[in-house]
Amino acid sequence: MSICGSFRTYPLCRRVTVSNVNHLPITQCLPSARLMSPMTLSAAARSTSDFRYGYIEDVEDFENYRPGGYHPIQIDDRLGPNRRYRIVHKLGHGTFSTAWLAVDGRTSKYVAVKVCTADADPQREIDILSHLSTVTAKDNNPIKDAASGMISKILDQFSITGPKGTHSCIVTVPARCSLKETREASGPGLFQLDVARSPAAQLVMAVEYVLSKGYVHADLHLGNILLQLPSSLNELSVPALYEKFGAPDPQTVIPLDSTQSLDTGVPSHAIPPVWLGISSHELSLQEAKLLLSDFGVAFSPSKENRLQSYTPLVIRPPEALFEPTTPLSLPSDIWSLGCVIFELLAHRSLIDGILAPQDEITAQQVELQGRMPEEWWDKWELRDKWFYEDERPKAAECDVWDWDRRFKEWVHEPRERRGLGALGEEEKVALLELLKCMLRWRPGERPIAEEVLDSSWMRNWAMPAYERSRFASEQQHLEGVS
């Protein structure tokens, strides 16, 4: 039976990055102003500092060491109850926090510590992650059990008070890097074929688990999907860590006005982040273990009416544009998930153009999926720029990119050219059949996550790759133990 023909429908309710911030798998520090609305901010915190500092690459804006802003952290600082966490390196930063690698004095393991700005309130995300970590009887099956381990978990939380206010601190297991970062570190920008299939399976499992708990992630993209660090990291002493990945390299912070001294509470030195990642084409199957992170804009449709989508435009579901007064719900994640699956196998996003305007993105969606629902078509004021009324594109045939062309030029040919594994015809058909259904215009016509898991491509290609990755990881662990 065709996968499209067997899908159930949903109920009627519907629904940034700064360098290396994704090493911290919670909220990723909410990297841009587009995500400010779910946060609690004080009016004073948004005031502008009178101080200006020289630019230092890959570090936070030091003008945000202001009341309500960042807390000053330096290498060797001890944080937490009984000075439990010793800071040994920088992981990254975002608008609402800095992220640090620390040694847990109780367990001697490495952890990530996110130190929020004093104006940020991460409690909402903490509550969501706590709910997701609660395993119930209905979660008692192998897939959900594995999927629960793919969601970021909070190890500890505490507060510290400093010159800029009181700051929430959240401790998690550190991650290696985001999938976005590992792609950007690679010349080909591609994963080996099985390495792409396995993360796709893991991501579907993780999203299905989140949706089964009644939550919408609402910001699925490669920047929020992290690679887990190998457990062997904990075998490295701090000097060995520095030898392998590089020691902190403090950069002197200098006021632009030479007559000024550093403002109170501004660190004297900036710490560029450490790179713990790996290039996508070098990633092995056993290393391709994921964490789904950044639940800062996640929500439960049964408890909250969310009208605004925070997902990047190129993977944002169309109902967010054409039905702005209808609350978003579970199918919105299915649309974004389909886009991300394509991107895992390709060397670029399904919809072309990070800086493209919304109407150009909509035109590409029509090229892929055909004419949208009549009421949406009528609302689309600029449709005449791209299409005739009979739906024919005005562009020349060579400028129209349908599914087959995008697959050929963005998946098949780059993979074949780089020797990273090409999909056979049978797999291509199964993959495109699944993605076309996941990107159906009407939210209620998209497959639910369980049906994505049960699709032909998942059963015959993605899940077997995931099982091979588990086996390879277990064998590596056993060899290490012996």
Protein backbone atom coordinates (compact mmCIF):
# COMPACT_ATOMS: atom_id res chain seq x y z
CA MET A 1 0.00 0.00 0.00
CA SER A 2 1.22 3.50 -0.76
CA ILE A 3 2.44 5.24 2.35
CA CYS A 4 0.39 8.31 1.38
CA GLY A 5 -2.81 6.34 1.33
CA SER A 6 -2.50 4.90 4.82
CA PHE A 7 -1.88 8.01 6.91
CA ARG A 8 -4.26 9.00 9.66
CA THR A 9 -5.28 12.62 10.07
CA TYR A 10 -4.70 14.87 13.04
CA PRO A 11 -7.26 16.55 15.25
CA LEU A 12 -8.37 19.96 14.00
CA CYS A 13 -6.16 21.93 16.43
CA ARG A 14 -2.94 22.96 14.72
CA ARG A 15 -0.51 24.61 15.40
CA VAL A 16 21.04 31.60 15.35
CA THR A 17 23.51 31.22 15.65
CA VAL A 18 26.74 32.22 17.29
CA SER A 19 29.85 30.09 17.10
CA ASN A 20 29.75 26.75 18.92
CA VAL A 21 26.81 27.60 21.15
CA ASN A 22 25.24 24.26 20.26
CA HIS A 23 27.71 22.35 22.40
CA LEU A 24 25.32 23.06 25.26
CA PRO A 25 22.21 20.95 24.73
CA ILE A 26 19.59 23.16 26.37
CA THR A 27 18.08 26.25 24.80
CA GLN A 28 21.39 26.75 22.96
CA CYS A 29 21.39 30.08 24.69
CA LEU A 30 18.50 31.29 22.48
CA PRO A 31 20.79 32.63 19.79
CA SER A 32 18.83 35.54 18.36
CA ALA A 33 16.20 38.12 19.10
CA ARG A 34 13.61 36.14 17.15
CA LEU A 35 13.38 33.83 20.17
CA MET A 36 13.01 36.50 22.82
CA SER A 37 9.26 36.27 23.22
CA PRO A 38 9.20 33.02 25.25
CA MET A 39 11.80 34.42 27.67
CA THR A 40 11.16 36.61 30.68
CA LEU A 41 13.15 39.82 30.29
CA SER A 42 13.43 42.82 32.57
CA ALA A 43 13.11 46.28 31.07
CA ALA A 44 16.40 47.39 32.60
CA ALA A 45 18.21 44.43 31.08
CA ARG A 46 17.66 45.70 27.56
CA SER A 47 19.38 48.99 28.28
CA THR A 48 22.49 49.80 26.27
CA SER A 49 25.89 49.82 27.92
CA ASP A 50 27.90 53.03 27.84
CA PHE A 51 31.03 50.96 27.26
CA ARG A 52 32.35 49.74 23.89
CA TYR A 53 35.03 47.09 23.44
CA GLY A 54 37.27 45.96 20.61
CA TYR A 55 36.05 43.08 18.43
CA ILE A 56 37.30 39.58 19.28
CA GLU A 57 36.32 36.76 16.94
CA ASP A 58 34.04 33.95 18.18
CA VAL A 59 33.27 35.45 21.58
CA GLU A 60 30.25 37.11 23.13
CA ASP A 61 29.46 40.83 22.85
CA PHE A 62 31.18 42.30 25.89
CA GLU A 63 28.78 45.22 25.93
CA ASN A 64 26.26 42.71 27.26
CA TYR A 65 28.15 42.44 30.53
CA ARG A 66 25.59 44.87 31.94
CA PRO A 67 22.88 44.74 34.60
CA GLY A 68 20.71 41.77 33.63
CA GLY A 69 23.34 40.46 31.25
CA TYR A 70 26.20 37.95 31.29
CA HIS A 71 28.00 36.77 34.41
CA PRO A 72 31.81 37.03 34.22
CA ILE A 73 33.45 33.59 34.05
CA GLN A 74 37.14 32.74 33.81
CA ILE A 75 39.07 29.49 33.47
CA ASP A 76 39.49 27.72 36.83
CA ASP A 77 36.42 29.36 38.36
CA ARG A 78 34.47 27.03 40.66
CA LEU A 79 30.69 27.11 40.34
CA GLY A 80 27.79 25.44 42.08
CA PRO A 81 27.18 24.14 45.59
CA ASN A 82 30.46 23.40 47.37
CA ARG A 83 32.32 24.76 44.31
CA ARG A 84 31.52 21.48 42.59
CA TYR A 85 32.15 22.46 38.94
CA ARG A 86 35.60 23.63 37.85
CA ILE A 87 35.62 25.58 34.57
CA VAL A 88 38.27 24.26 32.17
CA HIS A 89 37.25 25.65 28.76
CA LYS A 90 34.66 27.66 26.84
CA LEU A 91 32.04 25.89 24.73
CA GLY A 92 30.20 28.85 23.21
CA HIS A 93 27.71 31.62 23.78
CA GLY A 94 24.39 33.03 22.67
CA THR A 95 22.26 36.05 23.36
CA PHE A 96 21.01 34.68 26.67
CA SER A 97 23.91 32.66 28.09
CA THR A 98 27.50 31.52 27.93
CA ALA A 99 28.43 27.81 27.86
CA TRP A 100 31.41 26.26 29.60
CA LEU A 101 33.17 22.91 29.82
CA ALA A 102 33.73 21.94 33.43
CA VAL A 103 34.95 19.02 35.52
CA ASP A 104 32.44 17.70 38.03
CA GLY A 105 34.33 17.45 41.30
CA ARG A 106 31.99 14.71 42.53
CA THR A 107 32.15 12.37 39.50
CA SER A 108 35.38 13.59 37.83
CA LYS A 109 33.47 13.66 34.51
CA TYR A 110 33.25 16.51 32.05
CA VAL A 111 29.98 18.44 32.02
CA ALA A 112 28.57 21.46 30.23
CA VAL A 113 27.48 24.40 32.36
CA LYS A 114 25.19 27.00 30.86
CA VAL A 115 25.27 30.30 32.75
CA CYS A 116 22.19 32.29 31.77
CA THR A 117 22.01 36.06 31.63
CA ALA A 118 20.32 37.53 34.68
CA ASP A 119 17.35 38.59 32.55
CA ALA A 120 16.67 35.07 31.22
CA ASP A 121 14.27 32.62 32.82
CA PRO A 122 14.97 29.06 31.59
CA GLN A 123 12.45 27.44 33.93
CA ARG A 124 9.95 26.78 31.16
CA GLU A 125 12.42 24.70 29.18
CA ILE A 126 13.63 22.98 32.33
CA ASP A 127 10.05 21.91 33.07
CA ILE A 128 9.58 20.58 29.53
CA LEU A 129 12.82 18.56 29.63
CA SER A 130 11.89 17.21 33.06
CA HIS A 131 8.55 16.04 31.67
CA LEU A 132 10.22 14.46 28.64
CA SER A 133 12.66 12.58 30.87
CA THR A 134 9.78 10.96 32.77
CA VAL A 135 9.29 7.48 31.31
CA THR A 136 5.81 6.00 31.67
CA ALA A 137 4.46 2.50 31.09
CA LYS A 138 3.39 3.37 27.53
CA ASP A 139 7.01 4.35 26.79
CA ASN A 140 8.14 0.83 27.65
CA ASN A 141 9.24 -0.34 24.20
CA PRO A 142 12.71 -0.49 22.61
CA ILE A 143 12.22 2.46 20.23
CA LYS A 144 10.86 4.85 22.84
CA ASP A 145 13.45 3.70 25.35
CA ALA A 146 16.23 4.47 22.87
CA ALA A 147 14.58 7.74 21.82
CA SER A 148 14.38 9.03 25.39
CA GLY A 149 18.19 8.84 25.47
CA MET A 150 18.34 11.14 22.44
CA ILE A 151 16.78 14.06 24.33
CA SER A 152 18.94 16.49 26.30
CA LYS A 153 18.82 15.83 30.05
CA ILE A 154 19.53 18.15 32.94
CA LEU A 155 22.07 16.82 35.45
CA ASP A 156 21.95 19.71 37.90
CA GLN A 157 20.77 23.30 38.27
CA PHE A 158 21.66 26.11 40.63
CA SER A 159 21.91 29.91 40.78
CA ILE A 160 24.80 32.27 41.30
CA THR A 161 24.74 35.96 42.17
CA GLY A 162 27.26 38.32 40.66
CA PRO A 163 27.81 41.95 39.67
CA LYS A 164 25.15 41.81 36.95
CA GLY A 165 22.42 40.01 38.88
CA THR A 166 21.33 36.48 39.75
CA HIS A 167 21.96 33.87 37.06
CA SER A 168 20.40 30.44 36.54
CA CYS A 169 22.97 27.75 35.78
CA ILE A 170 22.13 24.44 34.12
CA VAL A 171 24.42 21.41 33.95
CA THR A 172 24.15 18.85 31.14
CA VAL A 173 26.29 16.29 29.37
CA PRO A 174 28.47 18.18 26.85
CA ALA A 175 27.91 17.58 23.16
CA ARG A 176 30.50 17.37 20.41
CA CYS A 177 29.00 19.87 17.96
CA SER A 178 25.81 20.41 16.00
CA LEU A 179 25.13 18.69 12.68
CA LYS A 180 25.17 22.15 11.12
CA GLU A 181 28.68 22.72 12.43
CA THR A 182 29.97 19.33 11.33
CA ARG A 183 28.62 20.00 7.83
CA GLU A 184 30.24 23.44 7.73
CA ALA A 185 33.58 21.93 8.79
CA SER A 186 33.50 19.60 5.79
CA GLY A 187 34.54 20.40 2.24
CA PRO A 188 31.90 18.15 0.64
CA GLY A 189 29.28 19.13 3.21
CA LEU A 190 28.00 15.55 3.13
CA PHE A 191 27.79 12.52 5.42
CA GLN A 192 28.64 9.01 4.30
CA LEU A 193 25.41 7.33 3.24
CA ASP A 194 24.83 5.09 6.27
CA VAL A 195 25.99 7.91 8.53
CA ALA A 196 23.24 10.09 7.03
CA ARG A 197 20.59 7.38 7.27
CA SER A 198 21.25 6.59 10.93
CA PRO A 199 20.86 10.20 12.20
CA ALA A 200 17.69 10.48 10.12
CA ALA A 201 16.29 7.42 11.91
CA GLN A 202 17.39 8.74 15.30
CA LEU A 203 15.83 12.13 14.63
CA VAL A 204 12.51 10.58 13.64
CA MET A 205 12.60 8.45 16.80
CA ALA A 206 13.36 11.48 18.96
CA VAL A 207 10.65 13.64 17.37
CA GLU A 208 8.12 10.82 17.65
CA TYR A 209 8.96 10.55 21.34
CA VAL A 210 8.53 14.30 21.88
CA LEU A 211 5.24 14.39 19.98
CA SER A 212 3.96 11.33 21.85
CA LYS A 213 4.48 13.32 25.06
CA GLY A 214 2.22 16.03 23.65
CA TYR A 215 4.93 18.58 22.83
CA VAL A 216 5.93 20.32 19.61
CA HIS A 217 9.66 21.04 19.38
CA ALA A 218 8.92 24.01 17.08
CA ASP A 219 12.53 24.69 16.05
CA LEU A 220 13.83 21.61 14.25
CA HIS A 221 16.96 22.30 12.19
CA LEU A 222 20.51 21.00 11.96
CA GLY A 223 21.78 23.59 14.42
CA ASN A 224 19.62 22.07 17.16
CA ILE A 225 20.65 18.47 16.49
CA LEU A 226 23.86 17.62 18.30
CA LEU A 227 26.45 14.88 18.11
CA GLN A 228 27.10 13.12 21.39
CA LEU A 229 30.68 13.17 22.63
CA PRO A 230 32.43 9.80 22.86
CA SER A 231 32.51 8.51 26.44
CA SER A 232 36.29 8.30 26.05
CA LEU A 233 36.44 12.07 26.67
CA ASN A 234 36.12 11.33 30.39
CA GLU A 235 39.32 9.31 30.22
CA LEU A 236 41.29 12.47 29.39
CA SER A 237 42.87 14.50 32.16
CA VAL A 238 42.58 18.25 31.76
CA PRO A 239 46.19 18.51 30.45
CA ALA A 240 45.45 15.68 27.99
CA LEU A 241 42.24 17.46 26.93
CA TYR A 242 44.27 20.59 26.23
CA GLU A 243 46.85 18.62 24.28
CA LYS A 244 44.19 17.04 22.08
CA PHE A 245 41.83 19.96 21.54
CA GLY A 246 43.88 23.01 22.47
CA ALA A 247 44.20 24.96 25.71
CA PRO A 248 42.19 28.11 26.41
CA ASP A 249 43.67 31.12 24.66
CA PRO A 250 42.60 34.21 26.64
CA GLN A 251 42.29 37.40 24.58
CA THR A 252 42.69 40.76 26.32
CA VAL A 253 39.51 42.84 26.37
CA ILE A 254 40.27 46.44 25.45
CA PRO A 255 37.83 49.38 25.69
CA LEU A 256 37.58 51.36 22.44
CA ASP A 257 37.85 54.51 24.50
CA SER A 258 41.42 54.39 25.80
CA THR A 259 40.49 56.73 28.64
CA GLN A 260 38.06 54.19 30.09
CA SER A 261 38.79 51.22 32.28
CA LEU A 262 36.79 47.99 32.06
CA ASP A 263 33.29 48.36 33.46
CA THR A 264 32.62 46.61 36.77
CA GLY A 265 31.95 42.91 36.22
CA VAL A 266 33.47 42.74 32.72
CA PRO A 267 36.09 39.97 32.40
CA SER A 268 39.61 41.17 31.63
CA HIS A 269 40.01 38.41 29.05
CA ALA A 270 37.75 36.76 26.47
CA ILE A 271 37.94 32.99 25.97
CA PRO A 272 37.40 31.72 22.38
CA PRO A 273 35.50 28.40 22.31
CA VAL A 274 37.09 24.99 21.93
CA TRP A 275 36.27 22.89 18.86
CA LEU A 276 35.37 19.35 19.87
CA GLY A 277 33.72 18.53 16.56
CA ILE A 278 34.49 16.56 13.43
CA SER A 279 33.92 17.06 9.70
CA SER A 280 30.78 15.40 8.40
CA HIS A 281 32.51 13.24 5.77
CA GLU A 282 34.92 11.92 8.45
CA LEU A 283 32.19 10.96 10.92
CA SER A 284 32.00 7.19 11.40
CA LEU A 285 28.82 5.20 11.80
CA GLN A 286 29.46 4.34 15.44
CA GLU A 287 30.11 8.03 16.25
CA ALA A 288 26.84 9.23 14.71
CA LYS A 289 24.82 9.37 17.93
CA LEU A 290 22.44 12.30 18.28
CA LEU A 291 20.94 14.56 20.91
CA LEU A 292 17.89 16.65 20.10
CA SER A 293 18.40 19.95 21.88
CA ASP A 294 17.02 23.47 22.33
CA PHE A 295 13.50 23.16 23.67
CA GLY A 296 13.39 26.89 24.37
CA VAL A 297 10.36 27.46 22.13
CA ALA A 298 8.77 24.01 22.51
CA PHE A 299 5.16 23.98 23.62
CA SER A 300 2.20 21.74 24.35
CA PRO A 301 -0.76 22.50 22.03
CA SER A 302 -3.16 21.21 24.68
CA LYS A 303 -1.95 23.88 27.11
CA GLU A 304 -0.93 26.78 24.88
CA ASN A 305 -2.14 28.37 21.64
CA ARG A 306 1.02 29.16 19.66
CA LEU A 307 0.43 31.35 16.61
CA GLN A 308 4.01 32.32 15.77
CA SER A 309 6.55 29.93 14.29
CA TYR A 310 10.21 30.34 15.26
CA THR A 311 11.51 27.77 12.77
CA PRO A 312 13.89 29.12 10.08
CA LEU A 313 11.96 30.27 7.00
CA VAL A 314 13.38 27.60 4.68
CA ILE A 315 11.87 24.82 6.80
CA ARG A 316 8.93 26.69 8.32
CA PRO A 317 5.54 25.02 7.69
CA PRO A 318 3.30 27.00 5.31
CA GLU A 319 0.32 27.14 7.68
CA ALA A 320 2.33 29.57 9.81
CA LEU A 321 2.10 32.02 6.89
CA PHE A 322 -1.33 31.28 5.45
CA GLU A 323 -3.25 30.57 8.65
CA PRO A 324 -1.70 33.06 11.11
CA THR A 325 -4.70 33.00 13.46
CA THR A 326 -4.86 29.19 13.69
CA PRO A 327 -2.74 27.70 16.50
CA LEU A 328 0.17 25.55 15.41
CA SER A 329 0.23 21.91 16.46
CA LEU A 330 1.94 18.56 16.00
CA PRO A 331 1.99 18.43 12.16
CA SER A 332 4.15 21.56 12.02
CA ASP A 333 7.08 19.49 13.30
CA ILE A 334 6.43 16.85 10.62
CA TRP A 335 6.94 19.42 7.85
CA SER A 336 10.24 20.63 9.33
CA LEU A 337 11.34 17.03 9.99
CA GLY A 338 10.86 16.18 6.31
CA CYS A 339 13.03 19.13 5.29
CA VAL A 340 15.77 18.08 7.72
CA ILE A 341 15.76 14.46 6.50
CA PHE A 342 16.41 15.68 2.95
CA GLU A 343 19.19 17.95 4.20
CA LEU A 344 20.91 15.06 6.00
CA LEU A 345 21.31 13.27 2.68
CA ALA A 346 21.99 16.33 0.52
CA HIS A 347 24.73 18.96 0.51
CA ARG A 348 22.24 21.81 0.97
CA SER A 349 18.75 22.51 2.26
CA LEU A 350 15.66 21.36 0.40
CA ILE A 351 14.42 24.94 -0.01
CA ASP A 352 17.18 27.10 -1.46
CA GLY A 353 17.96 30.43 0.12
CA ILE A 354 18.69 31.30 3.73
CA LEU A 355 18.23 34.99 2.86
CA ALA A 356 15.43 34.47 0.35
CA PRO A 357 12.18 36.41 0.97
CA GLN A 358 9.11 34.52 2.10
CA ASP A 359 7.38 34.67 -1.31
CA GLU A 360 10.35 33.13 -3.08
CA ILE A 361 10.35 30.32 -0.54
CA THR A 362 6.62 29.80 -1.12
CA ALA A 363 7.26 29.64 -4.88
CA GLN A 364 9.81 26.87 -4.34
CA GLN A 365 7.31 24.98 -2.17
CA VAL A 366 4.80 25.16 -5.04
CA GLU A 367 7.45 23.87 -7.46
CA LEU A 368 7.82 20.85 -5.18
CA GLN A 369 4.28 20.18 -4.03
CA GLY A 370 2.08 21.71 -6.70
CA ARG A 371 -0.75 24.14 -6.14
CA MET A 372 -1.58 24.90 -2.55
CA PRO A 373 -5.14 24.85 -1.12
CA GLU A 374 -7.45 27.24 -2.98
CA GLU A 375 -7.96 29.57 -0.04
CA TRP A 376 -4.19 29.87 0.44
CA TRP A 377 -3.63 30.41 -3.29
CA ASP A 378 -6.10 33.30 -3.23
CA LYS A 379 -4.36 34.85 -0.20
CA TRP A 380 -0.94 34.73 -1.86
CA GLU A 381 -0.76 38.22 -3.33
CA LEU A 382 2.52 37.79 -5.22
CA ARG A 383 1.72 34.48 -6.89
CA ASP A 384 1.49 36.21 -10.29
CA LYS A 385 5.20 36.94 -10.09
CA TRP A 386 6.00 33.23 -10.38
CA PHE A 387 2.92 31.46 -11.77
CA TYR A 388 0.15 31.79 -14.30
CA GLU A 389 -3.38 31.26 -13.05
CA ASP A 390 -3.35 27.72 -14.49
CA GLU A 391 -0.41 27.02 -12.12
CA ARG A 392 2.23 26.89 -14.87
CA PRO A 393 5.49 28.50 -13.71
CA LYS A 394 6.54 31.66 -15.52
CA ALA A 395 10.20 30.72 -15.18
CA ALA A 396 12.01 28.90 -17.97
CA GLU A 397 12.05 25.13 -17.62
CA CYS A 398 15.73 25.20 -16.67
CA ASP A 399 14.89 27.41 -13.67
CA VAL A 400 12.19 25.13 -12.24
CA TRP A 401 13.43 22.79 -9.51
CA ASP A 402 11.06 19.90 -8.82
CA TRP A 403 11.72 16.95 -6.50
CA ASP A 404 13.58 14.88 -9.11
CA ARG A 405 15.89 17.70 -10.08
CA ARG A 406 16.70 18.66 -6.48
CA PHE A 407 17.39 15.03 -5.66
CA LYS A 408 19.58 14.53 -8.71
CA GLU A 409 21.69 17.68 -8.35
CA TRP A 410 21.73 18.07 -4.56
CA VAL A 411 21.79 14.45 -3.39
CA HIS A 412 22.72 11.92 -6.06
CA GLU A 413 25.38 13.70 -8.11
CA PRO A 414 27.33 15.24 -5.18
CA ARG A 415 27.36 11.93 -3.33
CA GLU A 416 28.47 10.02 -6.39
CA ARG A 417 31.11 12.61 -7.27
CA ARG A 418 32.58 12.53 -3.75
CA GLY A 419 32.40 8.75 -3.39
CA LEU A 420 30.20 9.03 -0.28
CA GLY A 421 27.51 6.57 -1.39
CA ALA A 422 24.62 7.15 -3.76
CA LEU A 423 21.03 6.07 -3.17
CA GLY A 424 19.71 3.39 -5.50
CA GLU A 425 16.53 3.92 -7.49
CA GLU A 426 14.37 1.88 -5.11
CA GLU A 427 15.56 3.86 -2.11
CA LYS A 428 15.11 7.16 -3.95
CA VAL A 429 11.49 6.32 -4.75
CA ALA A 430 10.77 5.34 -1.13
CA LEU A 431 12.47 8.47 0.24
CA LEU A 432 10.68 10.90 -2.07
CA GLU A 433 7.34 9.20 -1.46
CA LEU A 434 7.83 9.75 2.28
CA LEU A 435 9.01 13.37 1.97
CA LYS A 436 6.20 14.37 -0.38
CA CYS A 437 3.70 13.15 2.20
CA MET A 438 5.47 14.83 5.11
CA LEU A 439 5.33 18.12 3.18
CA ARG A 440 1.67 17.98 2.27
CA TRP A 441 0.13 21.43 2.36
CA ARG A 442 -2.65 20.78 4.84
CA PRO A 443 -1.32 19.89 8.31
CA GLY A 444 -4.03 17.30 8.92
CA GLU A 445 -3.02 15.36 5.80
CA ARG A 446 0.57 14.82 6.87
CA PRO A 447 1.62 11.50 8.41
CA ILE A 448 1.88 11.26 12.16
CA ALA A 449 5.32 10.42 13.52
CA GLU A 450 4.53 6.74 14.11
CA GLU A 451 3.65 6.42 10.42
CA VAL A 452 6.91 8.07 9.42
CA LEU A 453 8.69 5.45 11.54
CA ASP A 454 6.74 2.73 9.75
CA SER A 455 7.38 4.07 6.24
CA SER A 456 9.20 1.98 3.65
CA TRP A 457 12.31 4.17 3.66
CA MET A 458 12.58 4.09 7.44
CA ARG A 459 12.03 0.33 7.69
CA ASN A 460 14.29 -0.70 4.81
CA TRP A 461 17.10 1.85 4.88
CA ALA A 462 17.20 4.28 7.80
CA MET A 463 16.44 1.95 10.73
CA PRO A 464 18.82 -0.81 9.49
CA ALA A 465 21.58 1.83 9.34
CA TYR A 466 20.72 2.87 12.90
CA GLU A 467 20.91 -0.75 14.05
CA ARG A 468 24.30 -1.12 12.36
CA SER A 469 25.49 2.01 14.15
CA ARG A 470 24.35 0.60 17.50
CA PHE A 471 26.12 -2.68 16.83
CA ALA A 472 29.33 -0.91 15.77
CA SER A 473 29.21 1.27 18.89
CA GLU A 474 28.65 -1.74 21.16
CA GLN A 475 31.52 -3.63 19.53
CA GLN A 476 33.82 -0.65 19.97
CA HIS A 477 32.83 -0.42 23.63
CA LEU A 478 33.48 -4.14 24.18
CA GLU A 479 36.89 -3.90 22.52
CA GLY A 480 37.73 -0.95 24.76
CA VAL A 481 36.72 -2.87 27.87
CA SER A 482 38.73 -5.94 26.88
